[in-house]
Amino acid sequence: MPALSLDPVTGLSLGRIVIGAGALAAPASTARVFGLDPAANPQLAYMGRMFGAREIALGAVTMASRGALRRRLVLVGVAVDGADLANGVIELGRRNVSKLASGMLIGAAAGAVGSGLLAWGRGRATDR
């Protein structure tokens, strides 16, 4: 049986959709996975569902696109993930989230930024 091989953009897009679906369907559980405390902040579910919808939409539209549009959407994803990364660093400095939660959120965002840039760079080389 051949191994399943995903290109980096499809992998990132599927990851967005899975995380987004979790945040939309079960925002408190998803928050806990990332080390956040929804009991201490009941509004977290509201923001989690907003985050989830954004992630699903960005992942789906990126997967449905091709060519130059797909490459631009990868950069949109990098910008969104970069903002998440900056927010994680800011909240760590303000001590509004635990160091563990900050590390998990910052790590996830940094990984997504790096993966997006890598995917974008690979696509650039092959678009010519």
N, C-alpha and C. Protein backbone atom coordinates (compact mmCIF):
# COMPACT_ATOMS: atom_id res chain seq x y z
N MET A 1 0.85 -1.18 0.00
CA MET A 1 0.00 0.00 0.00
C MET A 1 0.90 1.25 0.00
N PRO A 2 0.71 2.17 -0.95
CA PRO A 2 1.56 3.36 -1.02
C PRO A 2 1.29 4.30 0.15
N ALA A 3 2.35 4.98 0.57
CA ALA A 3 2.22 5.94 1.66
C ALA A 3 1.50 7.20 1.18
N LEU A 4 0.69 7.75 2.05
CA LEU A 4 -0.01 8.99 1.74
C LEU A 4 0.99 10.14 1.81
N SER A 5 1.04 10.93 0.77
CA SER A 5 1.98 12.05 0.72
C SER A 5 1.20 13.34 0.49
N LEU A 6 1.34 14.27 1.41
CA LEU A 6 0.66 15.57 1.29
C LEU A 6 1.69 16.64 1.00
N ASP A 7 1.33 17.55 0.11
CA ASP A 7 2.21 18.70 -0.06
C ASP A 7 2.05 19.59 1.17
N PRO A 8 3.06 20.42 1.49
CA PRO A 8 3.01 21.22 2.72
C PRO A 8 1.79 22.14 2.83
N VAL A 9 1.33 22.68 1.73
CA VAL A 9 0.18 23.59 1.78
C VAL A 9 -1.09 22.82 2.14
N THR A 10 -1.26 21.65 1.57
CA THR A 10 -2.42 20.83 1.90
C THR A 10 -2.36 20.40 3.36
N GLY A 11 -1.18 20.02 3.82
CA GLY A 11 -1.01 19.64 5.23
C GLY A 11 -1.37 20.77 6.18
N LEU A 12 -0.87 21.97 5.88
CA LEU A 12 -1.21 23.13 6.71
C LEU A 12 -2.70 23.42 6.66
N SER A 13 -3.27 23.34 5.49
CA SER A 13 -4.71 23.61 5.33
C SER A 13 -5.55 22.61 6.10
N LEU A 14 -5.21 21.33 6.00
CA LEU A 14 -5.94 20.32 6.75
C LEU A 14 -5.78 20.53 8.26
N GLY A 15 -4.58 20.90 8.68
CA GLY A 15 -4.36 21.20 10.10
C GLY A 15 -5.24 22.34 10.57
N ARG A 16 -5.35 23.39 9.75
CA ARG A 16 -6.22 24.52 10.10
C ARG A 16 -7.67 24.06 10.25
N ILE A 17 -8.11 23.24 9.30
CA ILE A 17 -9.50 22.79 9.32
C ILE A 17 -9.77 21.93 10.55
N VAL A 18 -8.86 21.04 10.89
CA VAL A 18 -9.05 20.16 12.06
C VAL A 18 -9.06 20.99 13.35
N ILE A 19 -8.08 21.86 13.52
CA ILE A 19 -8.04 22.68 14.73
C ILE A 19 -9.24 23.61 14.78
N GLY A 20 -9.60 24.18 13.63
CA GLY A 20 -10.76 25.07 13.58
C GLY A 20 -12.04 24.35 13.91
N ALA A 21 -12.20 23.13 13.40
CA ALA A 21 -13.41 22.36 13.71
C ALA A 21 -13.49 22.05 15.19
N GLY A 22 -12.35 21.72 15.79
CA GLY A 22 -12.33 21.47 17.23
C GLY A 22 -12.72 22.70 18.02
N ALA A 23 -12.16 23.85 17.63
CA ALA A 23 -12.46 25.10 18.33
C ALA A 23 -13.91 25.52 18.14
N LEU A 24 -14.46 25.24 16.99
CA LEU A 24 -15.85 25.60 16.72
C LEU A 24 -16.82 24.67 17.45
N ALA A 25 -16.54 23.37 17.42
CA ALA A 25 -17.45 22.39 18.02
C ALA A 25 -17.29 22.28 19.54
N ALA A 26 -16.08 22.40 20.02
CA ALA A 26 -15.81 22.22 21.45
C ALA A 26 -14.75 23.22 21.90
N PRO A 27 -15.12 24.51 21.95
CA PRO A 27 -14.12 25.54 22.25
C PRO A 27 -13.44 25.38 23.61
N ALA A 28 -14.17 24.94 24.62
CA ALA A 28 -13.56 24.79 25.94
C ALA A 28 -12.53 23.66 25.93
N SER A 29 -12.87 22.55 25.30
CA SER A 29 -11.93 21.43 25.23
C SER A 29 -10.68 21.80 24.44
N THR A 30 -10.88 22.48 23.33
CA THR A 30 -9.74 22.91 22.52
C THR A 30 -8.86 23.88 23.30
N ALA A 31 -9.47 24.79 24.04
CA ALA A 31 -8.70 25.73 24.86
C ALA A 31 -7.86 24.97 25.88
N ARG A 32 -8.45 23.96 26.51
CA ARG A 32 -7.70 23.18 27.51
C ARG A 32 -6.53 22.45 26.88
N VAL A 33 -6.70 21.95 25.64
CA VAL A 33 -5.59 21.27 24.95
C VAL A 33 -4.38 22.21 24.83
N PHE A 34 -4.66 23.50 24.63
CA PHE A 34 -3.58 24.47 24.49
C PHE A 34 -3.18 25.10 25.82
N GLY A 35 -3.65 24.52 26.94
CA GLY A 35 -3.23 24.98 28.25
C GLY A 35 -3.98 26.18 28.77
N LEU A 36 -5.08 26.55 28.13
CA LEU A 36 -5.87 27.69 28.60
C LEU A 36 -6.95 27.21 29.56
N ASP A 37 -7.47 28.11 30.37
CA ASP A 37 -8.45 27.77 31.40
C ASP A 37 -9.80 28.41 31.09
N PRO A 38 -10.68 27.68 30.38
CA PRO A 38 -11.98 28.26 30.03
C PRO A 38 -12.86 28.52 31.25
N ALA A 39 -12.67 27.80 32.35
CA ALA A 39 -13.47 28.04 33.55
C ALA A 39 -13.15 29.41 34.14
N ALA A 40 -11.90 29.83 34.03
CA ALA A 40 -11.49 31.14 34.55
C ALA A 40 -11.91 32.28 33.63
N ASN A 41 -12.21 31.95 32.38
CA ASN A 41 -12.60 32.98 31.41
C ASN A 41 -13.69 32.43 30.50
N PRO A 42 -14.96 32.55 30.92
CA PRO A 42 -16.06 31.98 30.13
C PRO A 42 -16.19 32.58 28.73
N GLN A 43 -15.67 33.77 28.51
CA GLN A 43 -15.73 34.38 27.18
C GLN A 43 -14.80 33.68 26.19
N LEU A 44 -13.93 32.84 26.69
CA LEU A 44 -12.98 32.13 25.83
C LEU A 44 -13.70 31.28 24.79
N ALA A 45 -14.86 30.73 25.13
CA ALA A 45 -15.61 29.91 24.17
C ALA A 45 -16.06 30.75 22.98
N TYR A 46 -16.50 31.95 23.24
CA TYR A 46 -16.92 32.85 22.16
C TYR A 46 -15.76 33.12 21.21
N MET A 47 -14.62 33.48 21.76
CA MET A 47 -13.45 33.76 20.94
C MET A 47 -12.94 32.49 20.24
N GLY A 48 -13.06 31.37 20.92
CA GLY A 48 -12.63 30.11 20.33
C GLY A 48 -13.43 29.76 19.09
N ARG A 49 -14.75 29.99 19.15
CA ARG A 49 -15.58 29.71 17.98
C ARG A 49 -15.24 30.68 16.84
N MET A 50 -14.96 31.93 17.16
CA MET A 50 -14.55 32.88 16.11
C MET A 50 -13.24 32.42 15.47
N PHE A 51 -12.29 32.02 16.29
CA PHE A 51 -11.01 31.50 15.81
C PHE A 51 -11.25 30.28 14.92
N GLY A 52 -12.12 29.38 15.38
CA GLY A 52 -12.38 28.15 14.64
C GLY A 52 -12.94 28.43 13.25
N ALA A 53 -13.89 29.34 13.18
CA ALA A 53 -14.49 29.68 11.89
C ALA A 53 -13.44 30.25 10.95
N ARG A 54 -12.58 31.10 11.46
CA ARG A 54 -11.51 31.70 10.65
C ARG A 54 -10.57 30.63 10.13
N GLU A 55 -10.18 29.70 10.98
CA GLU A 55 -9.25 28.66 10.58
C GLU A 55 -9.86 27.73 9.53
N ILE A 56 -11.11 27.36 9.71
CA ILE A 56 -11.78 26.51 8.73
C ILE A 56 -11.85 27.22 7.38
N ALA A 57 -12.27 28.47 7.39
CA ALA A 57 -12.40 29.23 6.14
C ALA A 57 -11.06 29.37 5.43
N LEU A 58 -10.01 29.73 6.17
CA LEU A 58 -8.69 29.91 5.55
C LEU A 58 -8.16 28.58 5.01
N GLY A 59 -8.33 27.52 5.77
CA GLY A 59 -7.87 26.21 5.31
C GLY A 59 -8.62 25.74 4.07
N ALA A 60 -9.94 25.90 4.09
CA ALA A 60 -10.76 25.43 2.97
C ALA A 60 -10.49 26.24 1.69
N VAL A 61 -10.42 27.55 1.80
CA VAL A 61 -10.21 28.37 0.60
C VAL A 61 -8.80 28.12 0.03
N THR A 62 -7.84 27.89 0.89
CA THR A 62 -6.49 27.59 0.41
C THR A 62 -6.46 26.25 -0.32
N MET A 63 -7.13 25.25 0.24
CA MET A 63 -7.16 23.94 -0.41
C MET A 63 -7.89 23.99 -1.75
N ALA A 64 -8.91 24.83 -1.85
CA ALA A 64 -9.70 24.91 -3.08
C ALA A 64 -9.02 25.72 -4.17
N SER A 65 -8.00 26.48 -3.82
CA SER A 65 -7.36 27.37 -4.80
C SER A 65 -6.17 26.68 -5.47
N ARG A 66 -5.71 27.29 -6.54
CA ARG A 66 -4.56 26.77 -7.29
C ARG A 66 -3.70 27.94 -7.74
N GLY A 67 -2.48 27.64 -8.13
CA GLY A 67 -1.60 28.61 -8.76
C GLY A 67 -1.27 29.81 -7.88
N ALA A 68 -1.28 30.98 -8.51
CA ALA A 68 -0.87 32.22 -7.84
C ALA A 68 -1.79 32.56 -6.67
N LEU A 69 -3.08 32.29 -6.81
CA LEU A 69 -4.00 32.56 -5.70
C LEU A 69 -3.65 31.71 -4.49
N ARG A 70 -3.36 30.46 -4.71
CA ARG A 70 -2.98 29.56 -3.61
C ARG A 70 -1.74 30.09 -2.91
N ARG A 71 -0.76 30.53 -3.69
CA ARG A 71 0.48 31.07 -3.09
C ARG A 71 0.19 32.32 -2.27
N ARG A 72 -0.69 33.18 -2.76
CA ARG A 72 -1.05 34.39 -1.99
C ARG A 72 -1.79 34.01 -0.70
N LEU A 73 -2.63 33.01 -0.78
CA LEU A 73 -3.34 32.57 0.43
C LEU A 73 -2.40 31.96 1.45
N VAL A 74 -1.34 31.31 0.99
CA VAL A 74 -0.32 30.82 1.92
C VAL A 74 0.28 32.01 2.68
N LEU A 75 0.55 33.10 1.97
CA LEU A 75 1.09 34.29 2.65
C LEU A 75 0.08 34.92 3.60
N VAL A 76 -1.20 34.87 3.26
CA VAL A 76 -2.24 35.34 4.19
C VAL A 76 -2.18 34.49 5.46
N GLY A 77 -2.06 33.19 5.30
CA GLY A 77 -1.93 32.30 6.46
C GLY A 77 -0.70 32.61 7.29
N VAL A 78 0.42 32.90 6.64
CA VAL A 78 1.64 33.27 7.36
C VAL A 78 1.39 34.55 8.17
N ALA A 79 0.71 35.52 7.58
CA ALA A 79 0.41 36.77 8.29
C ALA A 79 -0.49 36.51 9.50
N VAL A 80 -1.52 35.69 9.33
CA VAL A 80 -2.43 35.36 10.43
C VAL A 80 -1.65 34.64 11.54
N ASP A 81 -0.85 33.65 11.16
CA ASP A 81 -0.07 32.91 12.15
C ASP A 81 0.99 33.79 12.80
N GLY A 82 1.55 34.73 12.03
CA GLY A 82 2.50 35.68 12.60
C GLY A 82 1.85 36.57 13.66
N ALA A 83 0.61 36.98 13.39
CA ALA A 83 -0.13 37.76 14.39
C ALA A 83 -0.40 36.93 15.63
N ASP A 84 -0.74 35.64 15.44
CA ASP A 84 -0.94 34.76 16.59
C ASP A 84 0.36 34.61 17.39
N LEU A 85 1.47 34.50 16.69
CA LEU A 85 2.77 34.39 17.34
C LEU A 85 3.07 35.65 18.15
N ALA A 86 2.87 36.81 17.56
CA ALA A 86 3.12 38.07 18.27
C ALA A 86 2.21 38.19 19.49
N ASN A 87 0.95 37.80 19.33
CA ASN A 87 0.02 37.86 20.45
C ASN A 87 0.46 36.93 21.58
N GLY A 88 0.96 35.76 21.23
CA GLY A 88 1.46 34.83 22.25
C GLY A 88 2.62 35.42 23.03
N VAL A 89 3.53 36.07 22.34
CA VAL A 89 4.68 36.70 23.00
C VAL A 89 4.20 37.85 23.90
N ILE A 90 3.27 38.65 23.41
CA ILE A 90 2.74 39.76 24.20
C ILE A 90 2.07 39.23 25.47
N GLU A 91 1.23 38.22 25.34
CA GLU A 91 0.51 37.70 26.50
C GLU A 91 1.45 37.00 27.47
N LEU A 92 2.51 36.39 26.98
CA LEU A 92 3.53 35.82 27.87
C LEU A 92 4.17 36.92 28.69
N GLY A 93 4.53 38.02 28.03
CA GLY A 93 5.13 39.15 28.74
C GLY A 93 4.20 39.77 29.76
N ARG A 94 2.92 39.79 29.47
CA ARG A 94 1.93 40.35 30.41
C ARG A 94 1.53 39.36 31.49
N ARG A 95 1.97 38.13 31.33
CA ARG A 95 1.65 37.04 32.26
C ARG A 95 0.15 36.78 32.38
N ASN A 96 -0.55 36.95 31.26
CA ASN A 96 -1.98 36.67 31.23
C ASN A 96 -2.28 35.20 30.99
N VAL A 97 -1.28 34.46 30.55
CA VAL A 97 -1.40 33.03 30.33
C VAL A 97 -0.19 32.35 30.95
N SER A 98 -0.35 31.11 31.33
CA SER A 98 0.77 30.39 31.94
C SER A 98 1.92 30.24 30.95
N LYS A 99 3.10 29.99 31.49
CA LYS A 99 4.26 29.77 30.62
C LYS A 99 4.05 28.54 29.74
N LEU A 100 3.41 27.51 30.29
CA LEU A 100 3.15 26.30 29.51
C LEU A 100 2.21 26.61 28.34
N ALA A 101 1.11 27.30 28.63
CA ALA A 101 0.16 27.65 27.57
C ALA A 101 0.83 28.57 26.54
N SER A 102 1.57 29.55 27.01
CA SER A 102 2.27 30.45 26.09
C SER A 102 3.22 29.68 25.19
N GLY A 103 3.96 28.76 25.79
CA GLY A 103 4.90 27.97 25.00
C GLY A 103 4.20 27.14 23.95
N MET A 104 3.08 26.55 24.31
CA MET A 104 2.33 25.74 23.34
C MET A 104 1.76 26.61 22.23
N LEU A 105 1.18 27.74 22.58
CA LEU A 105 0.57 28.61 21.58
C LEU A 105 1.63 29.27 20.69
N ILE A 106 2.71 29.73 21.30
CA ILE A 106 3.79 30.34 20.54
C ILE A 106 4.44 29.29 19.62
N GLY A 107 4.65 28.09 20.16
CA GLY A 107 5.25 27.02 19.37
C GLY A 107 4.40 26.64 18.17
N ALA A 108 3.09 26.52 18.40
CA ALA A 108 2.18 26.17 17.30
C ALA A 108 2.19 27.26 16.23
N ALA A 109 2.14 28.52 16.66
CA ALA A 109 2.13 29.63 15.69
C ALA A 109 3.47 29.71 14.95
N ALA A 110 4.56 29.56 15.67
CA ALA A 110 5.88 29.62 15.03
C ALA A 110 6.04 28.47 14.02
N GLY A 111 5.57 27.29 14.40
CA GLY A 111 5.63 26.16 13.48
C GLY A 111 4.81 26.41 12.22
N ALA A 112 3.64 27.02 12.39
CA ALA A 112 2.79 27.31 11.23
C ALA A 112 3.43 28.38 10.35
N VAL A 113 4.04 29.40 10.95
CA VAL A 113 4.73 30.44 10.17
C VAL A 113 5.88 29.80 9.38
N GLY A 114 6.69 29.01 10.07
CA GLY A 114 7.82 28.36 9.39
C GLY A 114 7.38 27.44 8.27
N SER A 115 6.35 26.63 8.54
CA SER A 115 5.84 25.72 7.51
C SER A 115 5.26 26.48 6.33
N GLY A 116 4.54 27.55 6.62
CA GLY A 116 3.96 28.37 5.55
C GLY A 116 5.04 29.00 4.68
N LEU A 117 6.07 29.53 5.32
CA LEU A 117 7.16 30.15 4.55
C LEU A 117 7.91 29.10 3.72
N LEU A 118 8.11 27.94 4.31
CA LEU A 118 8.77 26.85 3.58
C LEU A 118 7.93 26.44 2.37
N ALA A 119 6.63 26.26 2.59
CA ALA A 119 5.74 25.89 1.49
C ALA A 119 5.71 26.97 0.42
N TRP A 120 5.66 28.21 0.83
CA TRP A 120 5.63 29.32 -0.12
C TRP A 120 6.93 29.35 -0.93
N GLY A 121 8.06 29.17 -0.27
CA GLY A 121 9.34 29.17 -0.96
C GLY A 121 9.46 28.03 -1.96
N ARG A 122 8.98 26.86 -1.59
CA ARG A 122 9.01 25.72 -2.52
C ARG A 122 8.13 25.98 -3.72
N GLY A 123 6.96 26.54 -3.48
CA GLY A 123 6.05 26.85 -4.59
C GLY A 123 6.63 27.88 -5.52
N ARG A 124 7.33 28.84 -4.97
CA ARG A 124 7.94 29.90 -5.77
C ARG A 124 8.95 29.33 -6.75
N ALA A 125 9.72 28.37 -6.27
CA ALA A 125 10.75 27.77 -7.12
C ALA A 125 10.13 26.96 -8.26
N THR A 126 8.95 26.39 -8.03
CA THR A 126 8.34 25.54 -9.05
C THR A 126 7.32 26.27 -9.91
N ASP A 127 6.97 27.50 -9.58
CA ASP A 127 5.98 28.26 -10.35
C ASP A 127 6.54 28.78 -11.67
N ARG A 128 7.83 28.81 -11.81
CA ARG A 128 8.45 29.42 -12.99
C ARG A 128 8.29 28.59 -14.21
